[in-house]
N, C-alpha and C. Protein backbone atom coordinates (compact mmCIF):
# COMPACT_ATOMS: atom_id res chain seq x y z
N MET A 1 81.23 85.76 92.97
CA MET A 1 82.14 85.34 93.75
C MET A 1 82.47 86.40 94.71
N LYS A 2 82.95 86.08 95.98
CA LYS A 2 83.04 86.99 97.10
C LYS A 2 84.66 86.90 97.15
N VAL A 3 85.26 88.24 96.82
CA VAL A 3 86.55 88.25 96.73
C VAL A 3 87.19 89.36 97.85
N LEU A 4 87.80 88.99 98.87
CA LEU A 4 88.64 89.62 99.97
C LEU A 4 89.84 90.05 99.35
N LEU A 5 90.18 91.26 99.44
CA LEU A 5 91.65 91.88 99.32
C LEU A 5 91.86 92.52 100.57
N ILE A 6 93.30 92.22 100.91
CA ILE A 6 93.75 92.77 102.38
C ILE A 6 94.90 93.49 101.70
N LEU A 7 94.91 94.72 102.06
CA LEU A 7 96.04 95.79 101.58
C LEU A 7 96.61 95.96 103.05
N SER A 8 97.93 95.67 102.76
CA SER A 8 98.81 95.81 104.20
C SER A 8 100.29 96.55 103.93
N HIS A 9 100.67 96.80 102.90
CA HIS A 9 101.93 97.18 102.30
C HIS A 9 101.94 98.73 102.43
N LYS A 10 103.27 99.29 102.74
CA LYS A 10 103.22 100.69 102.92
C LYS A 10 103.08 101.35 101.50
N PRO A 11 102.15 102.34 101.42
CA PRO A 11 101.89 103.16 100.29
C PRO A 11 102.82 104.04 99.93
N TYR A 12 103.24 104.40 98.71
CA TYR A 12 104.20 105.47 98.40
C TYR A 12 105.68 105.14 98.80
N ASP A 13 105.89 103.93 98.61
CA ASP A 13 107.21 103.42 99.11
C ASP A 13 108.45 103.11 97.85
N GLY A 14 107.67 103.74 96.63
CA GLY A 14 108.50 103.32 95.42
C GLY A 14 108.18 102.07 94.56
N THR A 15 107.13 101.41 95.33
CA THR A 15 106.83 100.27 94.58
C THR A 15 105.32 100.63 94.24
N ASP A 16 104.35 99.55 93.41
CA ASP A 16 103.06 99.68 92.87
C ASP A 16 102.32 98.64 93.55
N VAL A 17 102.77 98.44 94.74
CA VAL A 17 101.78 97.10 95.11
C VAL A 17 100.58 97.38 95.76
N ILE A 18 100.21 98.71 96.32
CA ILE A 18 98.83 99.16 96.80
C ILE A 18 98.29 99.49 95.34
N TRP A 19 98.91 100.27 94.64
CA TRP A 19 98.32 100.70 93.40
C TRP A 19 97.69 99.58 92.71
N ASN A 20 98.55 98.45 92.56
CA ASN A 20 97.74 97.31 91.75
C ASN A 20 96.63 96.50 92.49
N GLY A 21 96.77 96.49 94.04
CA GLY A 21 95.68 96.15 94.55
C GLY A 21 94.37 96.74 94.38
N ILE A 22 94.43 98.13 94.43
CA ILE A 22 93.07 98.80 94.05
C ILE A 22 92.75 98.61 92.66
N ARG A 23 93.68 98.55 91.73
CA ARG A 23 93.38 98.14 90.35
C ARG A 23 92.85 96.97 89.98
N ILE A 24 93.23 95.71 90.89
CA ILE A 24 92.67 94.57 90.71
C ILE A 24 91.20 94.45 91.38
N ALA A 25 91.17 95.33 92.55
CA ALA A 25 89.67 95.38 93.16
C ALA A 25 88.80 95.80 92.22
N ASN A 26 89.22 97.05 91.45
CA ASN A 26 88.09 97.67 90.81
C ASN A 26 87.84 96.73 89.38
N THR A 27 89.11 95.97 88.86
CA THR A 27 88.76 95.03 87.66
C THR A 27 87.80 93.94 88.31
N LEU A 28 87.93 93.46 89.53
CA LEU A 28 87.05 92.13 89.79
C LEU A 28 85.67 92.68 89.95
N SER A 29 85.47 94.01 90.56
CA SER A 29 84.17 94.46 90.88
C SER A 29 83.43 94.49 89.43
N ALA A 30 84.28 95.23 88.41
CA ALA A 30 83.55 95.55 87.04
C ALA A 30 83.05 94.11 86.55
N SER A 31 83.96 93.17 86.98
CA SER A 31 83.46 92.04 86.12
C SER A 31 82.35 91.14 86.99
N GLY A 32 81.78 91.82 87.99
CA GLY A 32 80.62 91.21 88.62
C GLY A 32 80.84 90.66 89.89
N ASP A 33 82.21 90.55 90.18
CA ASP A 33 82.56 89.86 91.50
C ASP A 33 81.99 90.89 92.84
N ASP A 34 81.75 90.21 94.00
CA ASP A 34 81.65 90.93 95.20
C ASP A 34 83.00 91.20 95.88
N VAL A 35 83.26 92.41 96.03
CA VAL A 35 84.62 92.78 96.49
C VAL A 35 84.67 93.55 97.66
N TRP A 36 85.52 93.05 98.79
CA TRP A 36 85.74 93.64 99.98
C TRP A 36 87.22 93.90 100.24
N VAL A 37 87.50 95.25 100.61
CA VAL A 37 88.92 95.45 100.96
C VAL A 37 89.15 95.84 102.34
N PHE A 38 90.02 95.24 102.96
CA PHE A 38 90.39 95.58 104.39
C PHE A 38 91.62 96.00 104.27
N VAL A 39 91.90 97.41 104.90
CA VAL A 39 93.19 97.96 104.93
C VAL A 39 93.72 97.98 106.27
N MET A 40 95.09 97.42 106.31
CA MET A 40 95.85 97.27 107.66
C MET A 40 97.12 97.63 107.61
N ASN A 41 97.82 97.76 108.78
CA ASN A 41 99.33 97.89 108.88
C ASN A 41 99.50 99.08 108.31
N ASP A 42 100.82 99.56 107.67
CA ASP A 42 101.12 100.89 107.29
C ASP A 42 100.12 101.20 105.93
N ALA A 43 99.20 100.50 105.29
CA ALA A 43 98.48 100.84 104.16
C ALA A 43 97.41 101.78 104.58
N VAL A 44 97.03 101.82 105.98
CA VAL A 44 95.93 102.57 106.33
C VAL A 44 96.29 104.16 106.00
N ASP A 45 97.50 104.57 105.48
CA ASP A 45 97.68 105.84 105.04
C ASP A 45 96.80 106.19 103.94
N ILE A 46 96.39 105.35 103.22
CA ILE A 46 95.40 105.64 102.00
C ILE A 46 93.84 106.09 102.37
N VAL A 47 93.70 105.66 103.72
CA VAL A 47 92.43 106.08 104.16
C VAL A 47 92.37 107.30 105.15
N ARG A 48 93.52 107.88 105.22
CA ARG A 48 93.44 109.03 106.09
C ARG A 48 93.55 110.25 105.36
N GLU A 49 92.57 111.28 105.92
CA GLU A 49 92.45 112.54 105.06
C GLU A 49 93.79 113.41 104.87
N SER A 50 94.34 113.39 106.08
CA SER A 50 95.55 114.26 106.18
C SER A 50 96.84 113.63 105.48
N ILE A 51 96.81 112.60 104.99
CA ILE A 51 98.02 112.25 104.19
C ILE A 51 97.87 112.62 102.57
N THR A 52 98.84 113.23 102.23
CA THR A 52 99.06 113.45 100.57
C THR A 52 99.88 112.83 99.98
N HIS A 53 99.70 112.60 98.79
CA HIS A 53 100.50 111.59 97.95
C HIS A 53 101.81 112.45 97.55
N PRO A 54 102.98 111.75 97.56
CA PRO A 54 104.12 112.56 96.97
C PRO A 54 104.07 112.88 95.51
N GLU A 55 104.84 113.54 95.12
CA GLU A 55 104.84 114.02 93.74
C GLU A 55 105.40 112.72 92.79
N ASP A 56 104.89 112.68 91.69
CA ASP A 56 105.28 111.47 90.77
C ASP A 56 104.57 110.01 91.25
N PHE A 57 103.60 110.13 92.12
CA PHE A 57 103.00 108.84 92.73
C PHE A 57 101.55 109.06 92.37
N PHE A 58 100.76 107.97 92.21
CA PHE A 58 99.47 107.97 91.94
C PHE A 58 98.71 108.36 93.25
N ASP A 59 97.79 109.02 93.18
CA ASP A 59 96.81 109.42 94.27
C ASP A 59 95.89 108.07 94.84
N LEU A 60 96.64 107.58 95.53
CA LEU A 60 96.04 106.47 96.29
C LEU A 60 94.88 106.67 96.97
N LYS A 61 94.86 107.58 97.71
CA LYS A 61 93.60 108.01 98.64
C LYS A 61 92.53 108.31 97.58
N GLN A 62 92.83 109.01 96.56
CA GLN A 62 91.67 109.33 95.70
C GLN A 62 91.12 108.08 94.94
N MET A 63 92.09 107.34 94.52
CA MET A 63 91.57 105.92 93.95
C MET A 63 90.71 105.13 94.98
N THR A 64 91.06 105.19 96.17
CA THR A 64 90.31 104.37 97.13
C THR A 64 88.88 105.07 97.40
N LYS A 65 88.79 106.41 97.34
CA LYS A 65 87.45 107.07 97.44
C LYS A 65 86.62 106.63 96.14
N ASP A 66 87.40 106.75 95.04
CA ASP A 66 86.51 106.23 93.72
C ASP A 66 86.23 104.82 93.72
N MET A 67 87.11 103.99 94.50
CA MET A 67 86.57 102.37 94.55
C MET A 67 85.49 102.42 95.45
N ILE A 68 85.28 103.33 96.65
CA ILE A 68 84.18 103.29 97.66
C ILE A 68 82.95 103.76 96.62
N ALA A 69 82.94 104.75 96.06
CA ALA A 69 82.04 105.26 95.28
C ALA A 69 81.34 104.43 94.32
N GLY A 70 82.42 103.44 93.81
CA GLY A 70 81.93 102.66 92.89
C GLY A 70 81.24 101.29 93.43
N GLY A 71 81.18 101.41 94.81
CA GLY A 71 80.49 100.38 95.56
C GLY A 71 81.11 99.23 96.15
N ILE A 72 82.71 99.30 96.19
CA ILE A 72 83.42 98.58 96.94
C ILE A 72 83.57 98.84 98.36
N THR A 73 82.99 98.00 99.33
CA THR A 73 83.23 97.95 100.84
C THR A 73 84.68 98.01 101.36
N VAL A 74 84.99 99.15 102.10
CA VAL A 74 86.38 99.22 102.36
C VAL A 74 86.32 99.42 104.05
N ARG A 75 87.18 98.61 104.74
CA ARG A 75 87.01 98.55 106.04
C ARG A 75 88.66 98.82 106.39
N ALA A 76 88.93 99.72 107.42
CA ALA A 76 90.25 99.79 108.09
C ALA A 76 90.60 99.34 109.40
N CYS A 77 91.71 98.78 109.74
CA CYS A 77 92.00 98.38 111.02
C CYS A 77 91.89 99.63 111.98
N GLY A 78 91.29 99.63 112.96
CA GLY A 78 91.36 100.97 113.84
C GLY A 78 92.50 100.84 114.58
N THR A 79 92.97 99.63 114.99
CA THR A 79 94.10 99.54 115.82
C THR A 79 95.45 100.01 114.96
N CYS A 80 95.44 99.55 113.76
CA CYS A 80 96.42 100.17 112.84
C CYS A 80 96.40 101.75 112.55
N LEU A 81 95.35 102.34 112.45
CA LEU A 81 95.13 103.92 112.34
C LEU A 81 95.70 104.45 113.44
N GLU A 82 95.38 103.93 114.93
CA GLU A 82 95.87 104.37 115.88
C GLU A 82 97.46 104.55 116.11
N ARG A 83 97.97 102.95 115.70
CA ARG A 83 99.42 103.03 115.95
C ARG A 83 99.99 103.86 114.95
N THR A 84 99.59 103.96 113.73
CA THR A 84 100.55 104.70 112.91
C THR A 84 100.24 106.28 112.88
N GLY A 85 99.64 106.74 113.90
CA GLY A 85 99.68 108.02 114.17
C GLY A 85 98.43 108.90 113.65
N SER A 86 97.25 108.24 113.52
CA SER A 86 96.10 109.18 113.33
C SER A 86 95.86 110.14 114.48
N ASN A 87 95.11 111.22 114.24
CA ASN A 87 94.98 112.17 115.30
C ASN A 87 93.57 111.82 115.58
N PRO A 88 93.40 112.18 116.78
CA PRO A 88 91.96 111.95 117.51
C PRO A 88 90.91 112.41 116.58
N GLY A 89 89.86 111.85 116.34
CA GLY A 89 88.90 112.38 115.61
C GLY A 89 89.12 112.38 114.00
N GLU A 90 90.22 112.00 113.66
CA GLU A 90 90.78 111.89 112.35
C GLU A 90 91.11 110.43 111.98
N MET A 91 90.18 109.47 112.25
CA MET A 91 90.71 108.06 111.94
C MET A 91 90.63 107.69 110.52
N ALA A 92 89.55 108.16 109.79
CA ALA A 92 89.60 107.85 108.51
C ALA A 92 88.42 108.61 107.77
N TYR A 93 88.48 108.90 106.51
CA TYR A 93 87.66 109.84 105.67
C TYR A 93 86.16 108.99 105.56
N GLU A 94 85.14 109.58 104.88
CA GLU A 94 83.95 109.21 105.01
C GLU A 94 83.97 108.15 103.93
N GLY A 95 83.25 107.12 104.47
CA GLY A 95 82.86 105.88 103.55
C GLY A 95 83.75 104.82 103.83
N VAL A 96 84.87 105.12 104.81
CA VAL A 96 85.71 104.02 105.16
C VAL A 96 85.11 103.59 106.45
N ILE A 97 84.82 102.05 106.67
CA ILE A 97 84.36 101.71 108.12
C ILE A 97 85.64 101.33 108.99
N VAL A 98 85.63 101.93 110.01
CA VAL A 98 86.92 101.79 110.82
C VAL A 98 86.55 100.44 111.59
N SER A 99 87.33 99.52 111.49
CA SER A 99 86.86 97.97 111.89
C SER A 99 87.93 97.42 112.93
N ASP A 100 87.96 96.06 112.87
CA ASP A 100 88.91 95.31 113.90
C ASP A 100 89.16 94.00 113.34
N LEU A 101 89.92 93.17 113.67
CA LEU A 101 90.21 91.81 113.29
C LEU A 101 89.07 90.91 113.48
N LYS A 102 88.06 91.04 114.16
CA LYS A 102 87.04 90.26 114.40
C LYS A 102 86.28 90.48 113.09
N ASP A 103 86.10 91.73 112.45
CA ASP A 103 85.27 91.85 111.14
C ASP A 103 86.26 91.30 110.05
N LEU A 104 87.61 91.25 110.18
CA LEU A 104 88.20 90.66 108.89
C LEU A 104 88.02 89.20 109.11
N SER A 105 88.09 88.65 110.35
CA SER A 105 87.98 87.24 110.47
C SER A 105 86.54 86.87 109.71
N GLU A 106 85.57 87.42 109.92
CA GLU A 106 84.39 87.15 109.49
C GLU A 106 84.37 87.18 107.91
N TRP A 107 84.99 88.27 107.45
CA TRP A 107 84.98 88.50 105.88
C TRP A 107 86.01 87.11 105.23
N ILE A 108 86.96 86.73 105.93
CA ILE A 108 87.77 85.78 105.60
C ILE A 108 87.03 84.40 105.42
N HIS A 109 86.00 84.13 106.58
CA HIS A 109 85.08 82.88 106.56
C HIS A 109 84.10 83.05 105.36
N GLN A 110 83.71 84.30 105.03
CA GLN A 110 82.61 84.37 104.03
C GLN A 110 83.21 84.45 102.57
N SER A 111 84.28 84.70 102.34
CA SER A 111 85.04 85.05 101.04
C SER A 111 85.29 83.58 100.47
N ASP A 112 85.12 83.53 99.05
CA ASP A 112 85.59 82.57 98.31
C ASP A 112 87.07 82.60 97.85
N LYS A 113 87.54 83.76 97.63
CA LYS A 113 88.97 84.01 97.24
C LYS A 113 89.50 85.12 98.25
N MET A 114 90.84 85.05 98.67
CA MET A 114 91.39 86.16 99.47
C MET A 114 92.75 86.34 98.76
N ILE A 115 93.23 87.76 98.49
CA ILE A 115 94.33 88.00 97.97
C ILE A 115 94.91 89.31 98.98
N THR A 116 96.23 89.28 99.09
CA THR A 116 96.91 90.05 99.91
C THR A 116 97.85 90.97 99.15
N PHE A 117 97.87 92.15 99.29
CA PHE A 117 98.83 93.25 98.70
C PHE A 117 99.49 93.93 99.92
């Protein structure tokens, strides 16, 4: 099954929303599903090298890097990266595909299930 996860919630806000999104992506992938992750809005902080996680929080950036290393494709909204303050030349770390809503719409059409966090 092709599963699309859209992460859009602000990370490190005192909730576990993004952490749970990453965990379910890994669980679905481990069970054999083809998993795609699209990161947008304030969630793009997890794909920026310059962002560090606060004390007492999970390292969502490292979890995302591990997810990519495990074979899950991760795309991030380039407009969202710009809007939320990425420095020129530092849009996203290696392995993240800087993308747009056209690519997201294609994934939506191709997916069997879509989950948002």
